[in-house]
Amino acid sequence: MLNKKGFTLIELLAVIVILGVIMTIAVPNIISTLDKNKKETFLEDAKQMISSAEYKIRSDTSINYPDQYSVVVIKLENLDNIELNLSPYDTYYSTEKSFVAITKEQINGTSEYEYVYYAHLVSCTDEKCENLEIDSAAYNRGINLSRLTDLDTSDRFDLVVKGSDVERDLILDTESIKSKLDRDIVNIY
């Protein structure tokens, strides 16, 4: 009589097919979860930047609160109590091109006003976003001038854009900030 030890070819093939099916289902889910976690971290960094700007405008008497016709812009490089260097995508947060914008807006047609905070967070392959190598812009990530309240909505992950969709030079173009926020004056700190 033959002593059977080991697996048959059919049994091995069945195991390989089952593992292949499991991998086909699991890998996309894992990749999606990892990307969602990176976006959530990016959004949390934007919220942290806004919190730091709130503290800065309250504590620094040289910065005036905006009126309903102006916007105050505080660059990331001027926020003292925050350390944002590397993004979750292993790119550098741009301290020059990332900023918080603060406006004074009327509350739903009432006579009352509130201060509204916007985040513009940019990350690039180099710290100054000047890398001109082929495809370097494809690695850029950003949140283009979004309200603090939008950072907590169900579609918040759509706010994190990549590549050429990142508005890297918005801070340099004050006219764009004026038109996007419907203001006459931009004060940059």
N, C-alpha and C. Protein backbone atom coordinates (compact mmCIF):
# COMPACT_ATOMS: atom_id res chain seq x y z
N MET A 1 0.81 -1.18 0.00
CA MET A 1 0.00 0.00 0.00
C MET A 1 0.86 1.25 0.00
N LEU A 2 0.37 2.25 -0.69
CA LEU A 2 1.09 3.51 -0.74
C LEU A 2 0.72 4.36 0.47
N ASN A 3 1.71 4.99 1.02
CA ASN A 3 1.48 5.88 2.15
C ASN A 3 1.32 7.29 1.60
N LYS A 4 0.12 7.88 1.74
CA LYS A 4 -0.14 9.22 1.19
C LYS A 4 0.33 10.28 2.18
N LYS A 5 1.30 11.06 1.75
CA LYS A 5 1.79 12.19 2.53
C LYS A 5 1.80 13.40 1.61
N GLY A 6 1.24 14.51 2.05
CA GLY A 6 1.26 15.72 1.26
C GLY A 6 -0.07 16.00 0.57
N PHE A 7 -0.04 17.01 -0.29
CA PHE A 7 -1.24 17.46 -0.98
C PHE A 7 -1.19 17.06 -2.44
N THR A 8 -2.34 16.91 -3.02
CA THR A 8 -2.41 16.63 -4.45
C THR A 8 -2.34 17.96 -5.20
N LEU A 9 -2.09 17.88 -6.47
CA LEU A 9 -2.04 19.07 -7.31
C LEU A 9 -3.37 19.80 -7.31
N ILE A 10 -4.45 19.09 -7.32
CA ILE A 10 -5.80 19.68 -7.30
C ILE A 10 -6.01 20.46 -6.00
N GLU A 11 -5.60 19.92 -4.88
CA GLU A 11 -5.76 20.60 -3.60
C GLU A 11 -4.94 21.89 -3.56
N LEU A 12 -3.72 21.84 -4.07
CA LEU A 12 -2.88 23.03 -4.11
C LEU A 12 -3.47 24.10 -5.02
N LEU A 13 -3.98 23.70 -6.18
CA LEU A 13 -4.60 24.66 -7.09
C LEU A 13 -5.84 25.29 -6.45
N ALA A 14 -6.62 24.51 -5.72
CA ALA A 14 -7.81 25.04 -5.06
C ALA A 14 -7.42 26.10 -4.02
N VAL A 15 -6.38 25.83 -3.26
CA VAL A 15 -5.92 26.80 -2.27
C VAL A 15 -5.44 28.08 -2.95
N ILE A 16 -4.70 27.96 -4.05
CA ILE A 16 -4.20 29.13 -4.78
C ILE A 16 -5.35 29.94 -5.33
N VAL A 17 -6.37 29.30 -5.89
CA VAL A 17 -7.54 30.01 -6.43
C VAL A 17 -8.28 30.74 -5.31
N ILE A 18 -8.46 30.10 -4.17
CA ILE A 18 -9.15 30.74 -3.04
C ILE A 18 -8.35 31.95 -2.54
N LEU A 19 -7.05 31.81 -2.41
CA LEU A 19 -6.21 32.95 -2.00
C LEU A 19 -6.27 34.08 -3.02
N GLY A 20 -6.30 33.74 -4.30
CA GLY A 20 -6.41 34.75 -5.34
C GLY A 20 -7.71 35.54 -5.25
N VAL A 21 -8.81 34.85 -4.98
CA VAL A 21 -10.10 35.53 -4.83
C VAL A 21 -10.09 36.44 -3.61
N ILE A 22 -9.54 35.96 -2.52
CA ILE A 22 -9.46 36.78 -1.31
C ILE A 22 -8.61 38.03 -1.56
N MET A 23 -7.49 37.89 -2.23
CA MET A 23 -6.62 39.03 -2.53
C MET A 23 -7.31 40.02 -3.46
N THR A 24 -8.07 39.52 -4.43
CA THR A 24 -8.78 40.39 -5.36
C THR A 24 -9.80 41.27 -4.63
N ILE A 25 -10.39 40.74 -3.61
CA ILE A 25 -11.38 41.49 -2.83
C ILE A 25 -10.70 42.38 -1.79
N ALA A 26 -9.68 41.88 -1.12
CA ALA A 26 -9.08 42.58 0.01
C ALA A 26 -8.17 43.74 -0.38
N VAL A 27 -7.36 43.59 -1.39
CA VAL A 27 -6.36 44.61 -1.73
C VAL A 27 -7.00 45.96 -2.06
N PRO A 28 -8.02 46.03 -2.93
CA PRO A 28 -8.62 47.35 -3.18
C PRO A 28 -9.22 47.99 -1.93
N ASN A 29 -9.81 47.18 -1.06
CA ASN A 29 -10.37 47.72 0.18
C ASN A 29 -9.29 48.27 1.09
N ILE A 30 -8.17 47.59 1.17
CA ILE A 30 -7.06 48.05 2.00
C ILE A 30 -6.49 49.35 1.44
N ILE A 31 -6.31 49.41 0.13
CA ILE A 31 -5.77 50.62 -0.51
C ILE A 31 -6.72 51.79 -0.30
N SER A 32 -8.02 51.56 -0.45
CA SER A 32 -9.02 52.61 -0.24
C SER A 32 -8.99 53.11 1.20
N THR A 33 -8.88 52.21 2.14
CA THR A 33 -8.84 52.59 3.56
C THR A 33 -7.58 53.41 3.86
N LEU A 34 -6.44 53.01 3.31
CA LEU A 34 -5.20 53.75 3.53
C LEU A 34 -5.30 55.16 2.95
N ASP A 35 -5.87 55.29 1.75
CA ASP A 35 -6.02 56.61 1.13
C ASP A 35 -6.97 57.49 1.94
N LYS A 36 -8.05 56.90 2.42
CA LYS A 36 -9.01 57.66 3.25
C LYS A 36 -8.35 58.14 4.53
N ASN A 37 -7.52 57.32 5.14
CA ASN A 37 -6.80 57.72 6.35
C ASN A 37 -5.83 58.85 6.09
N LYS A 38 -5.15 58.82 4.94
CA LYS A 38 -4.23 59.91 4.59
C LYS A 38 -5.00 61.21 4.39
N LYS A 39 -6.14 61.12 3.71
CA LYS A 39 -6.96 62.32 3.50
C LYS A 39 -7.48 62.87 4.82
N GLU A 40 -7.89 61.98 5.72
CA GLU A 40 -8.38 62.42 7.03
C GLU A 40 -7.28 63.14 7.80
N THR A 41 -6.06 62.63 7.74
CA THR A 41 -4.93 63.29 8.40
C THR A 41 -4.67 64.65 7.78
N PHE A 42 -4.75 64.75 6.47
CA PHE A 42 -4.56 66.02 5.76
C PHE A 42 -5.61 67.03 6.22
N LEU A 43 -6.87 66.59 6.33
CA LEU A 43 -7.95 67.46 6.79
C LEU A 43 -7.74 67.89 8.24
N GLU A 44 -7.28 66.98 9.07
CA GLU A 44 -7.00 67.32 10.48
C GLU A 44 -5.87 68.34 10.59
N ASP A 45 -4.88 68.23 9.70
CA ASP A 45 -3.80 69.22 9.70
C ASP A 45 -4.33 70.60 9.32
N ALA A 46 -5.28 70.66 8.39
CA ALA A 46 -5.89 71.93 8.01
C ALA A 46 -6.66 72.53 9.19
N LYS A 47 -7.38 71.68 9.92
CA LYS A 47 -8.11 72.16 11.10
C LYS A 47 -7.14 72.66 12.17
N GLN A 48 -6.03 71.97 12.33
CA GLN A 48 -5.02 72.39 13.30
C GLN A 48 -4.44 73.75 12.89
N MET A 49 -4.25 73.95 11.61
CA MET A 49 -3.75 75.23 11.11
C MET A 49 -4.75 76.35 11.42
N ILE A 50 -6.04 76.07 11.25
CA ILE A 50 -7.07 77.07 11.55
C ILE A 50 -7.08 77.39 13.04
N SER A 51 -6.98 76.38 13.88
CA SER A 51 -6.94 76.61 15.34
C SER A 51 -5.76 77.48 15.72
N SER A 52 -4.62 77.24 15.08
CA SER A 52 -3.44 78.04 15.34
C SER A 52 -3.63 79.49 14.89
N ALA A 53 -4.32 79.67 13.77
CA ALA A 53 -4.60 81.03 13.28
C ALA A 53 -5.58 81.75 14.20
N GLU A 54 -6.56 81.03 14.73
CA GLU A 54 -7.49 81.62 15.70
C GLU A 54 -6.72 82.13 16.92
N TYR A 55 -5.83 81.32 17.41
CA TYR A 55 -5.01 81.71 18.55
C TYR A 55 -4.15 82.93 18.20
N LYS A 56 -3.56 82.91 17.02
CA LYS A 56 -2.67 84.00 16.59
C LYS A 56 -3.41 85.33 16.51
N ILE A 57 -4.60 85.33 15.90
CA ILE A 57 -5.32 86.60 15.73
C ILE A 57 -5.85 87.12 17.06
N ARG A 58 -6.12 86.21 18.00
CA ARG A 58 -6.59 86.64 19.32
C ARG A 58 -5.45 87.18 20.18
N SER A 59 -4.26 86.61 20.02
CA SER A 59 -3.15 86.98 20.90
C SER A 59 -2.22 88.05 20.33
N ASP A 60 -2.20 88.22 19.02
CA ASP A 60 -1.29 89.18 18.39
C ASP A 60 -2.06 90.48 18.12
N THR A 61 -1.76 91.50 18.88
CA THR A 61 -2.50 92.77 18.76
C THR A 61 -2.16 93.54 17.48
N SER A 62 -1.11 93.14 16.79
CA SER A 62 -0.77 93.83 15.53
C SER A 62 -1.65 93.38 14.36
N ILE A 63 -2.39 92.29 14.56
CA ILE A 63 -3.29 91.80 13.51
C ILE A 63 -4.71 92.23 13.84
N ASN A 64 -5.31 92.98 12.95
CA ASN A 64 -6.68 93.44 13.15
C ASN A 64 -7.66 92.44 12.57
N TYR A 65 -8.76 92.24 13.27
CA TYR A 65 -9.82 91.39 12.74
C TYR A 65 -10.39 92.02 11.47
N PRO A 66 -10.84 91.21 10.52
CA PRO A 66 -11.39 91.77 9.29
C PRO A 66 -12.78 92.37 9.52
N ASP A 67 -13.14 93.32 8.66
CA ASP A 67 -14.52 93.79 8.65
C ASP A 67 -15.22 93.08 7.49
N GLN A 68 -16.45 93.45 7.19
CA GLN A 68 -17.20 92.72 6.16
C GLN A 68 -16.69 92.98 4.74
N TYR A 69 -15.71 93.89 4.57
CA TYR A 69 -15.18 94.18 3.24
C TYR A 69 -13.77 93.65 3.04
N SER A 70 -13.19 93.09 4.09
CA SER A 70 -11.79 92.67 3.99
C SER A 70 -11.62 91.22 4.41
N VAL A 71 -10.43 90.70 4.11
CA VAL A 71 -10.04 89.35 4.52
C VAL A 71 -8.64 89.44 5.10
N VAL A 72 -8.43 88.73 6.20
CA VAL A 72 -7.11 88.64 6.81
C VAL A 72 -6.53 87.29 6.44
N VAL A 73 -5.32 87.30 5.91
CA VAL A 73 -4.63 86.07 5.52
C VAL A 73 -3.40 85.90 6.39
N ILE A 74 -3.30 84.74 7.04
CA ILE A 74 -2.13 84.43 7.86
C ILE A 74 -1.45 83.20 7.25
N LYS A 75 -0.22 83.42 6.79
CA LYS A 75 0.53 82.32 6.18
C LYS A 75 0.95 81.29 7.23
N LEU A 76 1.09 80.06 6.79
CA LEU A 76 1.52 78.99 7.67
C LEU A 76 2.88 79.31 8.30
N GLU A 77 3.76 79.96 7.56
CA GLU A 77 5.09 80.29 8.09
C GLU A 77 5.02 81.29 9.24
N ASN A 78 3.91 82.00 9.38
CA ASN A 78 3.77 82.97 10.46
C ASN A 78 2.95 82.46 11.64
N LEU A 79 2.54 81.21 11.59
CA LEU A 79 1.83 80.60 12.71
C LEU A 79 2.87 79.99 13.64
N ASP A 80 2.99 80.55 14.83
CA ASP A 80 4.08 80.20 15.73
C ASP A 80 3.92 78.86 16.43
N ASN A 81 2.71 78.53 16.82
CA ASN A 81 2.51 77.38 17.70
C ASN A 81 2.04 76.14 16.94
N ILE A 82 2.61 75.90 15.77
CA ILE A 82 2.22 74.74 14.98
C ILE A 82 3.44 74.17 14.27
N GLU A 83 3.52 72.87 14.19
CA GLU A 83 4.61 72.19 13.50
C GLU A 83 4.04 71.29 12.41
N LEU A 84 3.88 71.82 11.24
CA LEU A 84 3.44 71.03 10.09
C LEU A 84 4.59 71.00 9.09
N ASN A 85 5.21 69.86 8.95
CA ASN A 85 6.33 69.72 8.01
C ASN A 85 5.99 68.75 6.89
N LEU A 86 5.82 67.48 7.25
CA LEU A 86 5.53 66.45 6.24
C LEU A 86 4.06 66.11 6.25
N SER A 87 3.51 65.98 5.05
CA SER A 87 2.12 65.58 4.91
C SER A 87 2.03 64.05 5.00
N PRO A 88 0.83 63.50 5.13
CA PRO A 88 0.70 62.05 5.17
C PRO A 88 1.07 61.38 3.84
N TYR A 89 1.25 62.17 2.79
CA TYR A 89 1.65 61.65 1.48
C TYR A 89 3.16 61.72 1.27
N ASP A 90 3.90 61.97 2.36
CA ASP A 90 5.37 62.09 2.32
C ASP A 90 5.82 63.21 1.40
N THR A 91 5.06 64.28 1.38
CA THR A 91 5.44 65.51 0.68
C THR A 91 5.53 66.61 1.73
N TYR A 92 6.12 67.74 1.36
CA TYR A 92 6.33 68.83 2.32
C TYR A 92 5.17 69.82 2.27
N TYR A 93 4.69 70.22 3.45
CA TYR A 93 3.73 71.31 3.50
C TYR A 93 4.46 72.59 3.16
N SER A 94 3.90 73.38 2.26
CA SER A 94 4.51 74.65 1.89
C SER A 94 4.12 75.71 2.90
N THR A 95 5.11 76.24 3.62
CA THR A 95 4.83 77.27 4.62
C THR A 95 4.53 78.62 3.97
N GLU A 96 4.97 78.81 2.73
CA GLU A 96 4.72 80.06 2.03
C GLU A 96 3.38 80.08 1.31
N LYS A 97 2.96 78.93 0.78
CA LYS A 97 1.76 78.88 -0.05
C LYS A 97 0.53 78.37 0.70
N SER A 98 0.72 77.93 1.93
CA SER A 98 -0.41 77.50 2.77
C SER A 98 -0.79 78.64 3.70
N PHE A 99 -2.08 78.84 3.89
CA PHE A 99 -2.52 79.95 4.73
C PHE A 99 -3.93 79.72 5.25
N VAL A 100 -4.30 80.58 6.20
CA VAL A 100 -5.67 80.63 6.71
C VAL A 100 -6.20 82.01 6.36
N ALA A 101 -7.41 82.06 5.82
CA ALA A 101 -8.08 83.33 5.52
C ALA A 101 -9.24 83.49 6.48
N ILE A 102 -9.40 84.70 6.99
CA ILE A 102 -10.46 84.99 7.96
C ILE A 102 -11.32 86.12 7.40
N THR A 103 -12.63 85.90 7.38
CA THR A 103 -13.56 86.92 6.92
C THR A 103 -14.62 87.16 7.99
N LYS A 104 -15.33 88.25 7.84
CA LYS A 104 -16.48 88.54 8.70
C LYS A 104 -17.71 88.47 7.81
N GLU A 105 -18.60 87.53 8.11
CA GLU A 105 -19.74 87.29 7.24
C GLU A 105 -21.05 87.38 8.01
N GLN A 106 -22.06 87.85 7.31
CA GLN A 106 -23.39 87.98 7.89
C GLN A 106 -24.02 86.60 8.09
N ILE A 107 -24.71 86.42 9.20
CA ILE A 107 -25.32 85.13 9.52
C ILE A 107 -26.72 85.07 8.92
N ASN A 108 -26.89 84.28 7.87
CA ASN A 108 -28.18 83.98 7.24
C ASN A 108 -29.15 85.15 7.18
N GLY A 109 -28.74 86.26 6.62
CA GLY A 109 -29.63 87.39 6.41
C GLY A 109 -30.01 88.17 7.66
N THR A 110 -29.44 87.82 8.81
CA THR A 110 -29.71 88.57 10.03
C THR A 110 -28.79 89.77 10.10
N SER A 111 -28.91 90.55 11.15
CA SER A 111 -28.02 91.70 11.31
C SER A 111 -26.76 91.33 12.09
N GLU A 112 -26.59 90.05 12.41
CA GLU A 112 -25.43 89.59 13.15
C GLU A 112 -24.35 89.07 12.20
N TYR A 113 -23.10 89.17 12.67
CA TYR A 113 -21.95 88.73 11.89
C TYR A 113 -21.15 87.70 12.68
N GLU A 114 -20.38 86.88 11.95
CA GLU A 114 -19.47 85.93 12.57
C GLU A 114 -18.17 85.88 11.76
N TYR A 115 -17.11 85.48 12.44
CA TYR A 115 -15.83 85.31 11.74
C TYR A 115 -15.80 83.91 11.16
N VAL A 116 -15.44 83.83 9.90
CA VAL A 116 -15.41 82.55 9.19
C VAL A 116 -13.96 82.28 8.78
N TYR A 117 -13.51 81.06 9.04
CA TYR A 117 -12.13 80.66 8.77
C TYR A 117 -12.08 79.73 7.57
N TYR A 118 -11.11 79.99 6.69
CA TYR A 118 -10.87 79.17 5.50
C TYR A 118 -9.43 78.64 5.56
N ALA A 119 -9.25 77.41 5.12
CA ALA A 119 -7.90 76.83 5.06
C ALA A 119 -7.50 76.63 3.61
N HIS A 120 -6.25 76.93 3.32
CA HIS A 120 -5.64 76.63 2.03
C HIS A 120 -4.32 75.94 2.35
N LEU A 121 -4.30 74.63 2.20
CA LEU A 121 -3.13 73.84 2.61
C LEU A 121 -2.54 73.16 1.39
N VAL A 122 -1.25 73.40 1.15
CA VAL A 122 -0.57 72.90 -0.03
C VAL A 122 0.63 72.06 0.39
N SER A 123 0.79 70.89 -0.23
CA SER A 123 2.01 70.11 -0.02
C SER A 123 2.60 69.76 -1.39
N CYS A 124 3.92 69.79 -1.45
CA CYS A 124 4.64 69.55 -2.70
C CYS A 124 5.85 68.64 -2.43
N THR A 125 6.52 68.25 -3.50
CA THR A 125 7.67 67.37 -3.36
C THR A 125 8.87 68.09 -2.74
N ASP A 126 8.88 69.42 -2.79
CA ASP A 126 9.93 70.19 -2.12
C ASP A 126 9.25 71.28 -1.28
N GLU A 127 9.97 71.83 -0.32
CA GLU A 127 9.38 72.75 0.65
C GLU A 127 8.86 74.05 0.06
N LYS A 128 9.43 74.50 -1.04
CA LYS A 128 9.00 75.76 -1.64
C LYS A 128 8.08 75.56 -2.85
N CYS A 129 7.74 74.33 -3.15
CA CYS A 129 6.89 74.00 -4.31
C CYS A 129 7.48 74.52 -5.61
N GLU A 130 8.79 74.40 -5.74
CA GLU A 130 9.47 74.87 -6.94
C GLU A 130 10.05 73.74 -7.78
N ASN A 131 9.80 72.51 -7.41
CA ASN A 131 10.34 71.36 -8.13
C ASN A 131 9.74 71.30 -9.52
N LEU A 132 10.58 71.38 -10.53
CA LEU A 132 10.13 71.37 -11.92
C LEU A 132 10.45 70.07 -12.64
N GLU A 133 10.86 69.05 -11.89
CA GLU A 133 11.17 67.77 -12.52
C GLU A 133 9.90 67.19 -13.15
N ILE A 134 10.11 66.33 -14.12
CA ILE A 134 8.99 65.70 -14.81
C ILE A 134 8.11 64.99 -13.80
N ASP A 135 6.82 65.21 -13.87
CA ASP A 135 5.80 64.58 -13.03
C ASP A 135 5.86 64.96 -11.56
N SER A 136 6.68 65.94 -11.16
CA SER A 136 6.71 66.31 -9.73
C SER A 136 5.38 66.89 -9.29
N ALA A 137 4.70 67.64 -10.17
CA ALA A 137 3.40 68.24 -9.82
C ALA A 137 2.34 67.18 -9.56
N ALA A 138 2.51 66.00 -10.13
CA ALA A 138 1.53 64.93 -9.92
C ALA A 138 1.49 64.48 -8.47
N TYR A 139 2.54 64.76 -7.71
CA TYR A 139 2.60 64.35 -6.31
C TYR A 139 2.09 65.43 -5.36
N ASN A 140 1.77 66.62 -5.88
CA ASN A 140 1.25 67.69 -5.03
C ASN A 140 -0.11 67.28 -4.48
N ARG A 141 -0.40 67.72 -3.27
CA ARG A 141 -1.71 67.53 -2.65
C ARG A 141 -2.12 68.86 -2.05
N GLY A 142 -3.42 69.06 -1.90
CA GLY A 142 -3.86 70.30 -1.30
C GLY A 142 -5.33 70.35 -0.99
N ILE A 143 -5.68 71.33 -0.17
CA ILE A 143 -7.06 71.69 0.10
C ILE A 143 -7.17 73.13 -0.36
N ASN A 144 -7.97 73.37 -1.39
CA ASN A 144 -8.08 74.69 -1.98
C ASN A 144 -9.12 75.54 -1.26
N LEU A 145 -8.67 76.51 -0.48
CA LEU A 145 -9.49 77.52 0.18
C LEU A 145 -10.89 77.01 0.56
N SER A 146 -10.94 76.23 1.61
CA SER A 146 -12.19 75.61 2.06
C SER A 146 -12.56 76.11 3.45
N ARG A 147 -13.86 76.30 3.66
CA ARG A 147 -14.37 76.74 4.97
C ARG A 147 -14.12 75.66 6.03
N LEU A 148 -13.95 76.11 7.25
CA LEU A 148 -13.77 75.18 8.36
C LEU A 148 -14.95 74.22 8.45
N THR A 149 -16.16 74.70 8.26
CA THR A 149 -17.34 73.82 8.35
C THR A 149 -17.34 72.76 7.26
N ASP A 150 -16.74 73.04 6.11
CA ASP A 150 -16.68 72.06 5.02
C ASP A 150 -15.71 70.92 5.33
N LEU A 151 -14.79 71.15 6.24
CA LEU A 151 -13.80 70.12 6.58
C LEU A 151 -14.40 68.99 7.41
N ASP A 152 -15.66 69.15 7.82
CA ASP A 152 -16.33 68.12 8.62
C ASP A 152 -17.54 67.51 7.93
N THR A 153 -17.79 67.83 6.68
CA THR A 153 -18.96 67.30 5.99
C THR A 153 -18.71 65.88 5.50
N SER A 154 -19.76 65.22 5.05
CA SER A 154 -19.63 63.83 4.59
C SER A 154 -18.79 63.72 3.32
N ASP A 155 -18.76 64.77 2.50
CA ASP A 155 -17.95 64.72 1.27
C ASP A 155 -16.61 65.44 1.43
N ARG A 156 -16.12 65.53 2.67
CA ARG A 156 -14.88 66.25 2.95
C ARG A 156 -13.66 65.65 2.25
N PHE A 157 -13.68 64.35 1.98
CA PHE A 157 -12.53 63.72 1.34
C PHE A 157 -12.31 64.24 -0.08
N ASP A 158 -13.37 64.77 -0.69
CA ASP A 158 -13.26 65.35 -2.04
C ASP A 158 -12.48 66.67 -2.01
N LEU A 159 -12.33 67.27 -0.85
CA LEU A 159 -11.60 68.54 -0.73
C LEU A 159 -10.10 68.35 -0.93
N VAL A 160 -9.60 67.16 -0.64
CA VAL A 160 -8.17 66.89 -0.81
C VAL A 160 -7.95 66.54 -2.28
N VAL A 161 -7.32 67.48 -2.99
CA VAL A 161 -7.10 67.29 -4.42
C VAL A 161 -5.63 67.01 -4.68
N LYS A 162 -5.32 66.57 -5.88
CA LYS A 162 -3.93 66.23 -6.19
C LYS A 162 -3.54 66.76 -7.55
N GLY A 163 -2.24 66.75 -7.79
CA GLY A 163 -1.70 67.13 -9.08
C GLY A 163 -1.96 68.57 -9.45
N SER A 164 -2.36 68.78 -10.68
CA SER A 164 -2.56 70.14 -11.19
C SER A 164 -3.81 70.80 -10.62
N ASP A 165 -4.66 70.06 -9.88
CA ASP A 165 -5.84 70.65 -9.24
C ASP A 165 -5.48 71.48 -8.01
N VAL A 166 -4.26 71.35 -7.52
CA VAL A 166 -3.81 72.11 -6.36
C VAL A 166 -3.49 73.54 -6.80
N GLU A 167 -4.16 74.52 -6.21
CA GLU A 167 -3.92 75.93 -6.53
C GLU A 167 -2.72 76.41 -5.70
N ARG A 168 -1.54 76.19 -6.23
CA ARG A 168 -0.32 76.46 -5.47
C ARG A 168 -0.05 77.95 -5.27
N ASP A 169 -0.39 78.79 -6.21
CA ASP A 169 0.01 80.19 -6.16
C ASP A 169 -1.10 81.13 -5.75
N LEU A 170 -2.10 80.63 -5.06
CA LEU A 170 -3.24 81.46 -4.67
C LEU A 170 -2.83 82.61 -3.77
N ILE A 171 -1.91 82.39 -2.86
CA ILE A 171 -1.48 83.44 -1.94
C ILE A 171 -0.78 84.58 -2.69
N LEU A 172 -0.12 84.26 -3.78
CA LEU A 172 0.59 85.28 -4.55
C LEU A 172 -0.37 86.12 -5.40
N ASP A 173 -1.54 85.59 -5.64
CA ASP A 173 -2.52 86.27 -6.47
C ASP A 173 -3.67 86.77 -5.58
N THR A 174 -3.47 87.93 -4.96
CA THR A 174 -4.48 88.44 -4.03
C THR A 174 -5.81 88.72 -4.72
N GLU A 175 -5.76 88.98 -6.02
CA GLU A 175 -7.01 89.21 -6.75
C GLU A 175 -7.89 87.97 -6.75
N SER A 176 -7.27 86.79 -6.82
CA SER A 176 -8.04 85.54 -6.77
C SER A 176 -8.70 85.38 -5.41
N ILE A 177 -7.98 85.71 -4.34
CA ILE A 177 -8.55 85.61 -3.00
C ILE A 177 -9.71 86.58 -2.86
N LYS A 178 -9.53 87.81 -3.37
CA LYS A 178 -10.61 88.80 -3.31
C LYS A 178 -11.86 88.29 -4.02
N SER A 179 -11.68 87.74 -5.21
CA SER A 179 -12.86 87.29 -5.97
C SER A 179 -13.49 86.03 -5.36
N LYS A 180 -12.67 85.11 -4.87
CA LYS A 180 -13.22 83.88 -4.28
C LYS A 180 -13.99 84.16 -3.00
N LEU A 181 -13.52 85.13 -2.22
CA LEU A 181 -14.16 85.43 -0.95
C LEU A 181 -15.02 86.70 -1.00
N ASP A 182 -15.15 87.30 -2.18
CA ASP A 182 -15.98 88.47 -2.40
C ASP A 182 -15.62 89.61 -1.43
N ARG A 183 -14.35 90.00 -1.43
CA ARG A 183 -13.86 91.05 -0.57
C ARG A 183 -13.09 92.09 -1.38
N ASP A 184 -12.96 93.29 -0.82
CA ASP A 184 -12.25 94.37 -1.50
C ASP A 184 -10.78 94.47 -1.10
N ILE A 185 -10.47 94.06 0.14
CA ILE A 185 -9.13 94.25 0.69
C ILE A 185 -8.60 92.91 1.22
N VAL A 186 -7.31 92.63 0.95
CA VAL A 186 -6.65 91.46 1.49
C VAL A 186 -5.45 91.94 2.32
N ASN A 187 -5.44 91.59 3.60
CA ASN A 187 -4.32 91.92 4.48
C ASN A 187 -3.57 90.62 4.77
N ILE A 188 -2.31 90.58 4.35
CA ILE A 188 -1.51 89.36 4.51
C ILE A 188 -0.52 89.51 5.66
N TYR A 189 -0.49 88.51 6.53
CA TYR A 189 0.44 88.49 7.66
C TYR A 189 1.28 87.24 7.58
